[in-house]
Amino acid sequence: MSAIKEIEKTVLALPPEQRALLAEALLNSLPPVGDEKSEAEEIEQASRRDKEIETGQVQAISEAEFRRRVEAARKH
């Protein structure tokens, strides 16, 4: 049995609370994933999007409409 499989077997035998703590520690040990933006970049993007809404370039939608569109896209 490989070392990973042995560790997995041991960990899965732990109570759920201990597995959750271990999972959190493991996830926190990983580098960030995806499109990591600086706070300044996020603020710039939010400001730009706010301006687009205010000037009518784009139209805001409700959360319910957003979720409806996401579900529709998943079905296609």
PDB file of N, CA and C in Angstrom:
ATOM      1  N   MET A   1       0.848  -1.176   0.000  1.00  0.00           N
ATOM      2  CA  MET A   1       0.000   0.000   0.000  1.00  0.00           C
ATOM      3  C   MET A   1       0.895   1.241   0.000  1.00  0.00           C
ATOM      4  N   SER A   2       0.543   2.219  -0.839  1.00  0.00           N
ATOM      5  CA  SER A   2       1.354   3.436  -0.907  1.00  0.00           C
ATOM      6  C   SER A   2       1.194   4.268   0.360  1.00  0.00           C
ATOM      7  N   ALA A   3       2.143   5.140   0.593  1.00  0.00           N
ATOM      8  CA  ALA A   3       2.110   5.989   1.787  1.00  0.00           C
ATOM      9  C   ALA A   3       0.851   6.855   1.806  1.00  0.00           C
ATOM     10  N   ILE A   4       0.478   7.377   0.649  1.00  0.00           N
ATOM     11  CA  ILE A   4      -0.719   8.226   0.577  1.00  0.00           C
ATOM     12  C   ILE A   4      -1.956   7.428   0.952  1.00  0.00           C
ATOM     13  N   LYS A   5      -2.068   6.223   0.442  1.00  0.00           N
ATOM     14  CA  LYS A   5      -3.230   5.378   0.761  1.00  0.00           C
ATOM     15  C   LYS A   5      -3.264   5.042   2.251  1.00  0.00           C
ATOM     16  N   GLU A   6      -2.126   4.814   2.838  1.00  0.00           N
ATOM     17  CA  GLU A   6      -2.066   4.529   4.278  1.00  0.00           C
ATOM     18  C   GLU A   6      -2.498   5.745   5.088  1.00  0.00           C
ATOM     19  N   ILE A   7      -2.023   6.909   4.693  1.00  0.00           N
ATOM     20  CA  ILE A   7      -2.413   8.137   5.385  1.00  0.00           C
ATOM     21  C   ILE A   7      -3.914   8.370   5.226  1.00  0.00           C
ATOM     22  N   GLU A   8      -4.404   8.176   4.021  1.00  0.00           N
ATOM     23  CA  GLU A   8      -5.836   8.356   3.765  1.00  0.00           C
ATOM     24  C   GLU A   8      -6.669   7.422   4.645  1.00  0.00           C
ATOM     25  N   LYS A   9      -6.273   6.167   4.727  1.00  0.00           N
ATOM     26  CA  LYS A   9      -7.001   5.197   5.550  1.00  0.00           C
ATOM     27  C   LYS A   9      -7.003   5.634   7.018  1.00  0.00           C
ATOM     28  N   THR A  10      -5.870   6.100   7.506  1.00  0.00           N
ATOM     29  CA  THR A  10      -5.755   6.557   8.895  1.00  0.00           C
ATOM     30  C   THR A  10      -6.624   7.787   9.128  1.00  0.00           C
ATOM     31  N   VAL A  11      -6.546   8.730   8.223  1.00  0.00           N
ATOM     32  CA  VAL A  11      -7.291   9.979   8.369  1.00  0.00           C
ATOM     33  C   VAL A  11      -8.795   9.726   8.307  1.00  0.00           C
ATOM     34  N   LEU A  12      -9.233   8.871   7.409  1.00  0.00           N
ATOM     35  CA  LEU A  12     -10.664   8.597   7.290  1.00  0.00           C
ATOM     36  C   LEU A  12     -11.234   7.896   8.517  1.00  0.00           C
ATOM     37  N   ALA A  13     -10.373   7.317   9.321  1.00  0.00           N
ATOM     38  CA  ALA A  13     -10.821   6.677  10.560  1.00  0.00           C
ATOM     39  C   ALA A  13     -10.995   7.689  11.701  1.00  0.00           C
ATOM     40  N   LEU A  14     -10.509   8.915  11.505  1.00  0.00           N
ATOM     41  CA  LEU A  14     -10.626   9.954  12.530  1.00  0.00           C
ATOM     42  C   LEU A  14     -12.076  10.429  12.637  1.00  0.00           C
ATOM     43  N   PRO A  15     -12.446  10.978  13.792  1.00  0.00           N
ATOM     44  CA  PRO A  15     -13.779  11.578  13.919  1.00  0.00           C
ATOM     45  C   PRO A  15     -13.920  12.765  12.957  1.00  0.00           C
ATOM     46  N   PRO A  16     -15.134  13.084  12.537  1.00  0.00           N
ATOM     47  CA  PRO A  16     -15.353  14.166  11.569  1.00  0.00           C
ATOM     48  C   PRO A  16     -14.717  15.498  11.977  1.00  0.00           C
ATOM     49  N   GLU A  17     -14.773  15.847  13.254  1.00  0.00           N
ATOM     50  CA  GLU A  17     -14.210  17.127  13.689  1.00  0.00           C
ATOM     51  C   GLU A  17     -12.704  17.178  13.451  1.00  0.00           C
ATOM     52  N   GLN A  18     -12.024  16.075  13.734  1.00  0.00           N
ATOM     53  CA  GLN A  18     -10.578  16.036  13.528  1.00  0.00           C
ATOM     54  C   GLN A  18     -10.231  16.033  12.040  1.00  0.00           C
ATOM     55  N   ARG A  19     -11.042  15.347  11.231  1.00  0.00           N
ATOM     56  CA  ARG A  19     -10.820  15.366   9.781  1.00  0.00           C
ATOM     57  C   ARG A  19     -10.999  16.775   9.234  1.00  0.00           C
ATOM     58  N   ALA A  20     -12.000  17.493   9.754  1.00  0.00           N
ATOM     59  CA  ALA A  20     -12.239  18.869   9.302  1.00  0.00           C
ATOM     60  C   ALA A  20     -11.051  19.762   9.647  1.00  0.00           C
ATOM     61  N   LEU A  21     -10.524  19.624  10.846  1.00  0.00           N
ATOM     62  CA  LEU A  21      -9.358  20.420  11.238  1.00  0.00           C
ATOM     63  C   LEU A  21      -8.159  20.109  10.353  1.00  0.00           C
ATOM     64  N   LEU A  22      -7.958  18.839  10.069  1.00  0.00           N
ATOM     65  CA  LEU A  22      -6.846  18.444   9.205  1.00  0.00           C
ATOM     66  C   LEU A  22      -7.053  18.968   7.787  1.00  0.00           C
ATOM     67  N   ALA A  23      -8.267  18.859   7.288  1.00  0.00           N
ATOM     68  CA  ALA A  23      -8.560  19.359   5.942  1.00  0.00           C
ATOM     69  C   ALA A  23      -8.296  20.856   5.855  1.00  0.00           C
ATOM     70  N   GLU A  24      -8.700  21.597   6.873  1.00  0.00           N
ATOM     71  CA  GLU A  24      -8.463  23.035   6.898  1.00  0.00           C
ATOM     72  C   GLU A  24      -6.968  23.335   6.886  1.00  0.00           C
ATOM     73  N   ALA A  25      -6.209  22.612   7.700  1.00  0.00           N
ATOM     74  CA  ALA A  25      -4.762  22.830   7.756  1.00  0.00           C
ATOM     75  C   ALA A  25      -4.121  22.517   6.407  1.00  0.00           C
ATOM     76  N   LEU A  26      -4.557  21.446   5.762  1.00  0.00           N
ATOM     77  CA  LEU A  26      -3.994  21.086   4.458  1.00  0.00           C
ATOM     78  C   LEU A  26      -4.331  22.134   3.403  1.00  0.00           C
ATOM     79  N   LEU A  27      -5.580  22.583   3.378  1.00  0.00           N
ATOM     80  CA  LEU A  27      -5.977  23.600   2.406  1.00  0.00           C
ATOM     81  C   LEU A  27      -5.219  24.904   2.629  1.00  0.00           C
ATOM     82  N   ASN A  28      -5.042  25.275   3.875  1.00  0.00           N
ATOM     83  CA  ASN A  28      -4.312  26.505   4.178  1.00  0.00           C
ATOM     84  C   ASN A  28      -2.840  26.413   3.826  1.00  0.00           C
ATOM     85  N   SER A  29      -2.324  25.194   3.688  1.00  0.00           N
ATOM     86  CA  SER A  29      -0.910  25.019   3.345  1.00  0.00           C
ATOM     87  C   SER A  29      -0.652  25.156   1.845  1.00  0.00           C
ATOM     88  N   LEU A  30      -1.719  25.165   1.047  1.00  0.00           N
ATOM     89  CA  LEU A  30      -1.583  25.253  -0.405  1.00  0.00           C
ATOM     90  C   LEU A  30      -1.481  26.701  -0.862  1.00  0.00           C
ATOM     91  N   PRO A  31      -0.800  26.935  -1.984  1.00  0.00           N
ATOM     92  CA  PRO A  31      -0.743  28.297  -2.523  1.00  0.00           C
ATOM     93  C   PRO A  31      -2.112  28.694  -3.076  1.00  0.00           C
ATOM     94  N   PRO A  32      -2.377  29.993  -3.174  1.00  0.00           N
ATOM     95  CA  PRO A  32      -3.654  30.441  -3.731  1.00  0.00           C
ATOM     96  C   PRO A  32      -3.842  29.913  -5.144  1.00  0.00           C
ATOM     97  N   VAL A  33      -5.094  29.686  -5.500  1.00  0.00           N
ATOM     98  CA  VAL A  33      -5.423  29.151  -6.812  1.00  0.00           C
ATOM     99  C   VAL A  33      -6.220  30.191  -7.582  1.00  0.00           C
ATOM    100  N   GLY A  34      -6.027  30.230  -8.885  1.00  0.00           N
ATOM    101  CA  GLY A  34      -6.866  31.063  -9.720  1.00  0.00           C
ATOM    102  C   GLY A  34      -6.346  32.461  -9.918  1.00  0.00           C
ATOM    103  N   ASP A  35      -7.265  33.332 -10.232  1.00  0.00           N
ATOM    104  CA  ASP A  35      -6.970  34.715 -10.578  1.00  0.00           C
ATOM    105  C   ASP A  35      -6.880  35.560  -9.320  1.00  0.00           C
ATOM    106  N   GLU A  36      -5.710  35.594  -8.734  1.00  0.00           N
ATOM    107  CA  GLU A  36      -5.504  36.376  -7.517  1.00  0.00           C
ATOM    108  C   GLU A  36      -5.213  37.820  -7.892  1.00  0.00           C
ATOM    109  N   LYS A  37      -6.080  38.708  -7.449  1.00  0.00           N
ATOM    110  CA  LYS A  37      -5.906  40.128  -7.729  1.00  0.00           C
ATOM    111  C   LYS A  37      -5.552  40.860  -6.451  1.00  0.00           C
ATOM    112  N   SER A  38      -4.828  41.929  -6.616  1.00  0.00           N
ATOM    113  CA  SER A  38      -4.512  42.759  -5.460  1.00  0.00           C
ATOM    114  C   SER A  38      -5.770  43.526  -5.063  1.00  0.00           C
ATOM    115  N   GLU A  39      -5.773  44.022  -3.847  1.00  0.00           N
ATOM    116  CA  GLU A  39      -6.920  44.803  -3.377  1.00  0.00           C
ATOM    117  C   GLU A  39      -7.139  46.017  -4.274  1.00  0.00           C
ATOM    118  N   ALA A  40      -6.064  46.649  -4.704  1.00  0.00           N
ATOM    119  CA  ALA A  40      -6.180  47.818  -5.584  1.00  0.00           C
ATOM    120  C   ALA A  40      -6.840  47.444  -6.910  1.00  0.00           C
ATOM    121  N   GLU A  41      -6.476  46.269  -7.451  1.00  0.00           N
ATOM    122  CA  GLU A  41      -7.079  45.812  -8.708  1.00  0.00           C
ATOM    123  C   GLU A  41      -8.565  45.522  -8.522  1.00  0.00           C
ATOM    124  N   GLU A  42      -8.925  44.929  -7.380  1.00  0.00           N
ATOM    125  CA  GLU A  42     -10.328  44.630  -7.115  1.00  0.00           C
ATOM    126  C   GLU A  42     -11.141  45.905  -6.966  1.00  0.00           C
ATOM    127  N   ILE A  43     -10.577  46.912  -6.307  1.00  0.00           N
ATOM    128  CA  ILE A  43     -11.267  48.192  -6.148  1.00  0.00           C
ATOM    129  C   ILE A  43     -11.431  48.873  -7.509  1.00  0.00           C
ATOM    130  N   GLU A  44     -10.384  48.823  -8.337  1.00  0.00           N
ATOM    131  CA  GLU A  44     -10.463  49.412  -9.674  1.00  0.00           C
ATOM    132  C   GLU A  44     -11.546  48.731 -10.497  1.00  0.00           C
ATOM    133  N   GLN A  45     -11.620  47.413 -10.411  1.00  0.00           N
ATOM    134  CA  GLN A  45     -12.625  46.673 -11.168  1.00  0.00           C
ATOM    135  C   GLN A  45     -14.029  47.019 -10.674  1.00  0.00           C
ATOM    136  N   ALA A  46     -14.219  47.095  -9.365  1.00  0.00           N
ATOM    137  CA  ALA A  46     -15.522  47.443  -8.815  1.00  0.00           C
ATOM    138  C   ALA A  46     -15.932  48.853  -9.229  1.00  0.00           C
ATOM    139  N   SER A  47     -14.979  49.787  -9.204  1.00  0.00           N
ATOM    140  CA  SER A  47     -15.265  51.165  -9.616  1.00  0.00           C
ATOM    141  C   SER A  47     -15.655  51.222 -11.089  1.00  0.00           C
ATOM    142  N   ARG A  48     -14.923  50.485 -11.917  1.00  0.00           N
ATOM    143  CA  ARG A  48     -15.221  50.454 -13.353  1.00  0.00           C
ATOM    144  C   ARG A  48     -16.607  49.886 -13.611  1.00  0.00           C
ATOM    145  N   ARG A  49     -16.935  48.804 -12.925  1.00  0.00           N
ATOM    146  CA  ARG A  49     -18.257  48.194 -13.113  1.00  0.00           C
ATOM    147  C   ARG A  49     -19.368  49.113 -12.622  1.00  0.00           C
ATOM    148  N   ASP A  50     -19.126  49.800 -11.513  1.00  0.00           N
ATOM    149  CA  ASP A  50     -20.113  50.747 -10.988  1.00  0.00           C
ATOM    150  C   ASP A  50     -20.355  51.855 -12.010  1.00  0.00           C
ATOM    151  N   LYS A  51     -19.279  52.364 -12.618  1.00  0.00           N
ATOM    152  CA  LYS A  51     -19.400  53.419 -13.624  1.00  0.00           C
ATOM    153  C   LYS A  51     -20.176  52.910 -14.837  1.00  0.00           C
ATOM    154  N   GLU A  52     -19.933  51.657 -15.250  1.00  0.00           N
ATOM    155  CA  GLU A  52     -20.653  51.079 -16.389  1.00  0.00           C
ATOM    156  C   GLU A  52     -22.153  51.028 -16.118  1.00  0.00           C
ATOM    157  N   ILE A  53     -22.524  50.711 -14.892  1.00  0.00           N
ATOM    158  CA  ILE A  53     -23.947  50.674 -14.533  1.00  0.00           C
ATOM    159  C   ILE A  53     -24.516  52.090 -14.529  1.00  0.00           C
ATOM    160  N   GLU A  54     -23.801  53.026 -13.911  1.00  0.00           N
ATOM    161  CA  GLU A  54     -24.275  54.407 -13.811  1.00  0.00           C
ATOM    162  C   GLU A  54     -24.437  55.064 -15.176  1.00  0.00           C
ATOM    163  N   THR A  55     -23.553  54.744 -16.120  1.00  0.00           N
ATOM    164  CA  THR A  55     -23.623  55.366 -17.450  1.00  0.00           C
ATOM    165  C   THR A  55     -24.550  54.609 -18.396  1.00  0.00           C
ATOM    166  N   GLY A  56     -25.080  53.491 -17.956  1.00  0.00           N
ATOM    167  CA  GLY A  56     -26.002  52.734 -18.791  1.00  0.00           C
ATOM    168  C   GLY A  56     -25.330  51.803 -19.780  1.00  0.00           C
ATOM    169  N   GLN A  57     -24.012  51.663 -19.690  1.00  0.00           N
ATOM    170  CA  GLN A  57     -23.311  50.743 -20.589  1.00  0.00           C
ATOM    171  C   GLN A  57     -23.766  49.300 -20.361  1.00  0.00           C
ATOM    172  N   VAL A  58     -24.038  48.982 -19.121  1.00  0.00           N
ATOM    173  CA  VAL A  58     -24.541  47.651 -18.764  1.00  0.00           C
ATOM    174  C   VAL A  58     -25.729  47.827 -17.833  1.00  0.00           C
ATOM    175  N   GLN A  59     -26.537  46.800 -17.746  1.00  0.00           N
ATOM    176  CA  GLN A  59     -27.704  46.846 -16.871  1.00  0.00           C
ATOM    177  C   GLN A  59     -27.527  45.812 -15.764  1.00  0.00           C
ATOM    178  N   ALA A  60     -27.722  46.245 -14.533  1.00  0.00           N
ATOM    179  CA  ALA A  60     -27.611  45.332 -13.394  1.00  0.00           C
ATOM    180  C   ALA A  60     -28.784  44.358 -13.411  1.00  0.00           C
ATOM    181  N   ILE A  61     -28.535  43.152 -12.900  1.00  0.00           N
ATOM    182  CA  ILE A  61     -29.605  42.172 -12.762  1.00  0.00           C
ATOM    183  C   ILE A  61     -29.689  41.744 -11.297  1.00  0.00           C
ATOM    184  N   SER A  62     -30.825  41.214 -10.929  1.00  0.00           N
ATOM    185  CA  SER A  62     -31.012  40.756  -9.551  1.00  0.00           C
ATOM    186  C   SER A  62     -30.253  39.454  -9.329  1.00  0.00           C
ATOM    187  N   GLU A  63     -30.075  39.114  -8.058  1.00  0.00           N
ATOM    188  CA  GLU A  63     -29.430  37.842  -7.736  1.00  0.00           C
ATOM    189  C   GLU A  63     -30.245  36.681  -8.283  1.00  0.00           C
ATOM    190  N   ALA A  64     -31.565  36.790  -8.173  1.00  0.00           N
ATOM    191  CA  ALA A  64     -32.444  35.717  -8.670  1.00  0.00           C
ATOM    192  C   ALA A  64     -32.261  35.527 -10.176  1.00  0.00           C
ATOM    193  N   GLU A  65     -32.159  36.627 -10.921  1.00  0.00           N
ATOM    194  CA  GLU A  65     -31.956  36.540 -12.364  1.00  0.00           C
ATOM    195  C   GLU A  65     -30.579  35.950 -12.670  1.00  0.00           C
ATOM    196  N   PHE A  66     -29.578  36.355 -11.914  1.00  0.00           N
ATOM    197  CA  PHE A  66     -28.236  35.803 -12.086  1.00  0.00           C
ATOM    198  C   PHE A  66     -28.259  34.292 -11.914  1.00  0.00           C
ATOM    199  N   ARG A  67     -28.883  33.835 -10.824  1.00  0.00           N
ATOM    200  CA  ARG A  67     -28.952  32.393 -10.563  1.00  0.00           C
ATOM    201  C   ARG A  67     -29.722  31.661 -11.656  1.00  0.00           C
ATOM    202  N   ARG A  68     -30.802  32.278 -12.162  1.00  0.00           N
ATOM    203  CA  ARG A  68     -31.577  31.666 -13.236  1.00  0.00           C
ATOM    204  C   ARG A  68     -30.708  31.490 -14.479  1.00  0.00           C
ATOM    205  N   ARG A  69     -29.916  32.518 -14.798  1.00  0.00           N
ATOM    206  CA  ARG A  69     -29.054  32.454 -15.979  1.00  0.00           C
ATOM    207  C   ARG A  69     -27.950  31.409 -15.812  1.00  0.00           C
ATOM    208  N   VAL A  70     -27.400  31.315 -14.626  1.00  0.00           N
ATOM    209  CA  VAL A  70     -26.359  30.311 -14.374  1.00  0.00           C
ATOM    210  C   VAL A  70     -26.944  28.910 -14.547  1.00  0.00           C
ATOM    211  N   GLU A  71     -28.098  28.681 -13.983  1.00  0.00           N
ATOM    212  CA  GLU A  71     -28.741  27.359 -14.120  1.00  0.00           C
ATOM    213  C   GLU A  71     -29.044  27.045 -15.583  1.00  0.00           C
ATOM    214  N   ALA A  72     -29.519  28.036 -16.314  1.00  0.00           N
ATOM    215  CA  ALA A  72     -29.822  27.824 -17.733  1.00  0.00           C
ATOM    216  C   ALA A  72     -28.544  27.492 -18.501  1.00  0.00           C
ATOM    217  N   ALA A  73     -27.453  28.165 -18.181  1.00  0.00           N
ATOM    218  CA  ALA A  73     -26.188  27.904 -18.868  1.00  0.00           C
ATOM    219  C   ALA A  73     -25.663  26.505 -18.538  1.00  0.00           C
ATOM    220  N   ARG A  74     -25.874  26.056 -17.315  1.00  0.00           N
ATOM    221  CA  ARG A  74     -25.421  24.713 -16.938  1.00  0.00           C
ATOM    222  C   ARG A  74     -26.154  23.631 -17.714  1.00  0.00           C
ATOM    223  N   LYS A  75     -27.393  23.887 -18.071  1.00  0.00           N
ATOM    224  CA  LYS A  75     -28.211  22.892 -18.768  1.00  0.00           C
ATOM    225  C   LYS A  75     -27.847  22.764 -20.227  1.00  0.00           C
ATOM    226  N   HIS A  76     -27.111  23.738 -20.763  1.00  0.00           N
ATOM    227  CA  HIS A  76     -26.748  23.706 -22.191  1.00  0.00           C
ATOM    228  C   HIS A  76     -25.403  23.162 -22.412  1.00  0.00           C
TER     229      HIS A  76
END
